Amino acid sequence: MRELSRDAFVDLLTGIRSSWAHFEQRDSYGAPDDLAEIRRWRRGAPTDPSYYADYAAMLARLAGRGRSLRRLKVVSEPLSEYHRWIRSMIAPIIEAGEATRWLPRRAVLGHRLPATDYYLLDGSSVVLLDFDGDGRLLSRLLTTEPGVVRACAAAFEECWVLGAGLTGAAVAG
């Protein structure tokens, strides 16, 4: 495994040839920018569109080149505050091209899942995301080890078919 800088990680994402599959399992993330937007949301203000504009633009460019972009969120119910906020602001991300499904955590009990969030890139490499207990990203670890890639691909596909889109009633807010 090789640790990636933020820039190297972004280069991998924007350089995909066919697809990414982003698997998320945490109930909250402690990114400082997210925390500021959540505070705004708590006060009843909508999320500032500039907050996600760069990400949405990247998604639109990749989707426009025919790349498949999927995100699966395994969540506890009722939803955490973080995921209630995400639900309130994710429509532009989906419209830009990242298909997103939500799956209640109880639906994956008994399934073999990797121990952390990850990106499966082009079906040939995985970036494992390592977080501290407060949800702050500590590192991004790239691997092309075939067993890890197969396990992550299998877990994602198995759970993807169980997930529901944002309009689905399967995830209680």
Protein backbone atom coordinates (compact mmCIF):
# COMPACT_ATOMS: atom_id res chain seq x y z
CA MET A 1 0.00 0.00 0.00
CA ARG A 2 1.08 3.50 -0.75
CA GLU A 3 -0.11 6.63 1.04
CA LEU A 4 -1.50 9.33 -1.24
CA SER A 5 -1.40 13.08 -0.83
CA ARG A 6 -4.66 14.95 -1.40
CA ASP A 7 -3.42 16.11 -4.82
CA ALA A 8 -2.39 12.59 -5.86
CA PHE A 9 -5.80 11.32 -4.75
CA VAL A 10 -7.63 13.98 -6.79
CA ASP A 11 -5.44 13.12 -9.79
CA LEU A 12 -6.48 9.47 -9.48
CA LEU A 13 -10.17 10.40 -9.26
CA THR A 14 -10.07 12.73 -12.25
CA GLY A 15 -7.97 10.27 -14.25
CA ILE A 16 -10.31 7.29 -14.08
CA ARG A 17 -10.84 5.51 -17.39
CA SER A 18 -14.25 4.02 -16.70
CA SER A 19 -15.59 4.22 -13.15
CA TRP A 20 -15.41 4.80 -9.47
CA ALA A 21 -17.43 3.17 -6.74
CA HIS A 22 -17.32 5.07 -3.44
CA PHE A 23 -18.34 3.05 -0.39
CA GLU A 24 -19.14 5.03 2.79
CA GLN A 25 -19.92 3.49 6.18
CA ARG A 26 -19.47 6.27 8.74
CA ASP A 27 -22.37 8.10 10.37
CA SER A 28 -20.48 11.38 10.33
CA TYR A 29 -17.35 12.97 8.98
CA GLY A 30 -15.32 15.64 10.72
CA ALA A 31 -14.08 17.62 7.74
CA PRO A 32 -13.77 21.25 8.90
CA ASP A 33 -15.58 22.61 5.83
CA ASP A 34 -18.46 20.19 6.43
CA LEU A 35 -18.74 21.28 10.05
CA ALA A 36 -19.11 24.95 9.09
CA GLU A 37 -21.86 24.10 6.58
CA ILE A 38 -23.67 21.92 9.11
CA ARG A 39 -23.72 24.85 11.54
CA ARG A 40 -25.33 27.00 8.80
CA TRP A 41 -27.88 24.24 8.12
CA ARG A 42 -28.74 24.00 11.84
CA ARG A 43 -29.66 27.69 11.72
CA GLY A 44 -32.02 26.97 8.84
CA ALA A 45 -29.80 28.35 6.08
CA PRO A 46 -29.38 26.32 2.90
CA THR A 47 -25.94 25.00 2.05
CA ASP A 48 -23.96 27.57 0.11
CA PRO A 49 -23.76 26.28 -3.51
CA SER A 50 -20.12 27.37 -3.68
CA TYR A 51 -19.39 24.74 -1.01
CA TYR A 52 -19.86 21.88 -3.49
CA ALA A 53 -19.46 23.72 -6.81
CA ASP A 54 -15.93 22.45 -7.56
CA TYR A 55 -16.88 18.86 -6.73
CA ALA A 56 -20.06 19.04 -8.80
CA ALA A 57 -18.09 20.50 -11.73
CA MET A 58 -15.58 17.64 -11.52
CA LEU A 59 -18.44 15.11 -11.47
CA ALA A 60 -20.09 16.75 -14.48
CA ARG A 61 -16.81 16.64 -16.45
CA LEU A 62 -16.27 12.96 -15.64
CA ALA A 63 -19.89 11.99 -16.32
CA GLY A 64 -19.74 13.99 -19.56
CA ARG A 65 -16.84 11.77 -20.64
CA GLY A 66 -18.97 8.68 -19.98
CA ARG A 67 -17.50 7.72 -16.60
CA SER A 68 -19.69 5.77 -14.18
CA LEU A 69 -19.70 7.43 -10.75
CA ARG A 70 -21.46 5.65 -7.90
CA ARG A 71 -21.60 6.30 -4.17
CA LEU A 72 -23.14 3.95 -1.61
CA LYS A 73 -23.83 5.21 1.90
CA VAL A 74 -24.40 2.59 4.61
CA VAL A 75 -26.20 4.52 7.35
CA SER A 76 -27.68 4.03 10.79
CA GLU A 77 -31.37 4.74 11.34
CA PRO A 78 -32.62 7.14 12.28
CA LEU A 79 -30.13 9.11 10.24
CA SER A 80 -27.38 11.01 12.02
CA GLU A 81 -27.43 14.79 11.88
CA TYR A 82 -24.63 14.64 9.30
CA HIS A 83 -26.66 12.44 6.96
CA ARG A 84 -29.81 14.53 7.42
CA TRP A 85 -27.73 17.52 6.29
CA ILE A 86 -26.32 15.55 3.33
CA ARG A 87 -29.84 14.60 2.25
CA SER A 88 -30.78 18.28 2.27
CA MET A 89 -27.99 19.29 -0.09
CA ILE A 90 -27.04 16.30 -2.26
CA ALA A 91 -29.38 16.86 -5.23
CA PRO A 92 -26.84 18.96 -7.22
CA ILE A 93 -24.21 16.24 -6.71
CA ILE A 94 -26.57 13.59 -8.08
CA GLU A 95 -27.60 15.87 -10.96
CA ALA A 96 -23.91 16.37 -11.80
CA GLY A 97 -23.54 12.65 -12.35
CA GLU A 98 -22.79 10.74 -9.15
CA ALA A 99 -25.48 8.09 -8.64
CA THR A 100 -26.02 7.75 -4.90
CA ARG A 101 -27.76 5.02 -2.94
CA TRP A 102 -28.47 4.74 0.75
CA LEU A 103 -28.58 1.46 2.62
CA PRO A 104 -29.68 0.99 6.24
CA ARG A 105 -26.90 -0.56 8.31
CA ARG A 106 -29.21 -3.34 9.48
CA ALA A 107 -29.51 -4.50 5.85
CA VAL A 108 -25.80 -5.37 5.74
CA LEU A 109 -25.61 -7.32 8.97
CA GLY A 110 -24.02 -10.64 8.11
CA HIS A 111 -22.38 -9.28 4.94
CA ARG A 112 -18.61 -9.25 4.54
CA LEU A 113 -17.60 -5.61 4.32
CA PRO A 114 -14.21 -3.90 4.39
CA ALA A 115 -13.48 -2.19 7.69
CA THR A 116 -13.29 1.32 6.24
CA ASP A 117 -14.59 3.61 3.51
CA TYR A 118 -12.97 3.30 0.11
CA TYR A 119 -12.97 4.19 -3.57
CA LEU A 120 -12.79 1.37 -6.11
CA LEU A 121 -11.21 2.91 -9.22
CA ASP A 122 -11.68 1.35 -12.66
CA GLY A 123 -12.16 -2.03 -10.97
CA SER A 124 -8.38 -2.34 -10.63
CA SER A 125 -7.30 -0.32 -7.60
CA VAL A 126 -8.69 0.72 -4.23
CA VAL A 127 -8.06 3.80 -2.14
CA LEU A 128 -8.77 2.95 1.50
CA LEU A 129 -9.75 5.95 3.62
CA ASP A 130 -8.49 5.96 7.22
CA PHE A 131 -10.36 8.17 9.74
CA ASP A 132 -9.89 9.03 13.38
CA GLY A 133 -12.70 8.53 15.91
CA ASP A 134 -14.12 11.99 15.20
CA GLY A 135 -14.36 11.36 11.46
CA ARG A 136 -11.31 13.36 10.38
CA LEU A 137 -9.47 11.83 7.44
CA LEU A 138 -6.01 10.63 8.49
CA SER A 139 -4.77 9.00 5.30
CA ARG A 140 -5.58 7.65 1.86
CA LEU A 141 -3.95 4.31 1.08
CA LEU A 142 -3.73 3.04 -2.51
CA THR A 143 -3.59 -0.68 -3.21
CA THR A 144 -3.80 -2.81 -6.34
CA GLU A 145 -3.54 -6.08 -4.39
CA PRO A 146 -5.94 -8.39 -6.26
CA GLY A 147 -7.54 -9.88 -3.14
CA VAL A 148 -8.35 -6.45 -1.70
CA VAL A 149 -9.67 -5.19 -5.05
CA ARG A 150 -11.90 -8.27 -5.46
CA ALA A 151 -13.22 -8.04 -1.89
CA CYS A 152 -14.03 -4.34 -2.22
CA ALA A 153 -15.67 -4.83 -5.63
CA ALA A 154 -17.77 -7.73 -4.36
CA ALA A 155 -18.88 -5.84 -1.23
CA PHE A 156 -19.84 -2.76 -3.23
CA GLU A 157 -21.84 -4.63 -5.87
CA GLU A 158 -23.59 -6.82 -3.29
CA CYS A 159 -24.67 -3.76 -1.32
CA TRP A 160 -25.41 -1.55 -4.35
CA VAL A 161 -28.31 -3.76 -5.42
CA LEU A 162 -29.77 -3.50 -1.91
CA GLY A 163 -29.53 0.30 -1.70
CA ALA A 164 -32.20 2.86 -2.46
CA GLY A 165 -31.90 6.17 -4.27
CA LEU A 166 -32.55 9.42 -2.43
CA THR A 167 -36.22 9.32 -3.36
CA GLY A 168 -36.57 5.77 -1.99
CA ALA A 169 -38.38 5.25 1.29
CA ALA A 170 -35.93 2.59 2.49
CA VAL A 171 -33.89 5.03 4.57
CA ALA A 172 -35.69 6.84 7.36
CA GLY A 173 -34.60 10.39 8.05
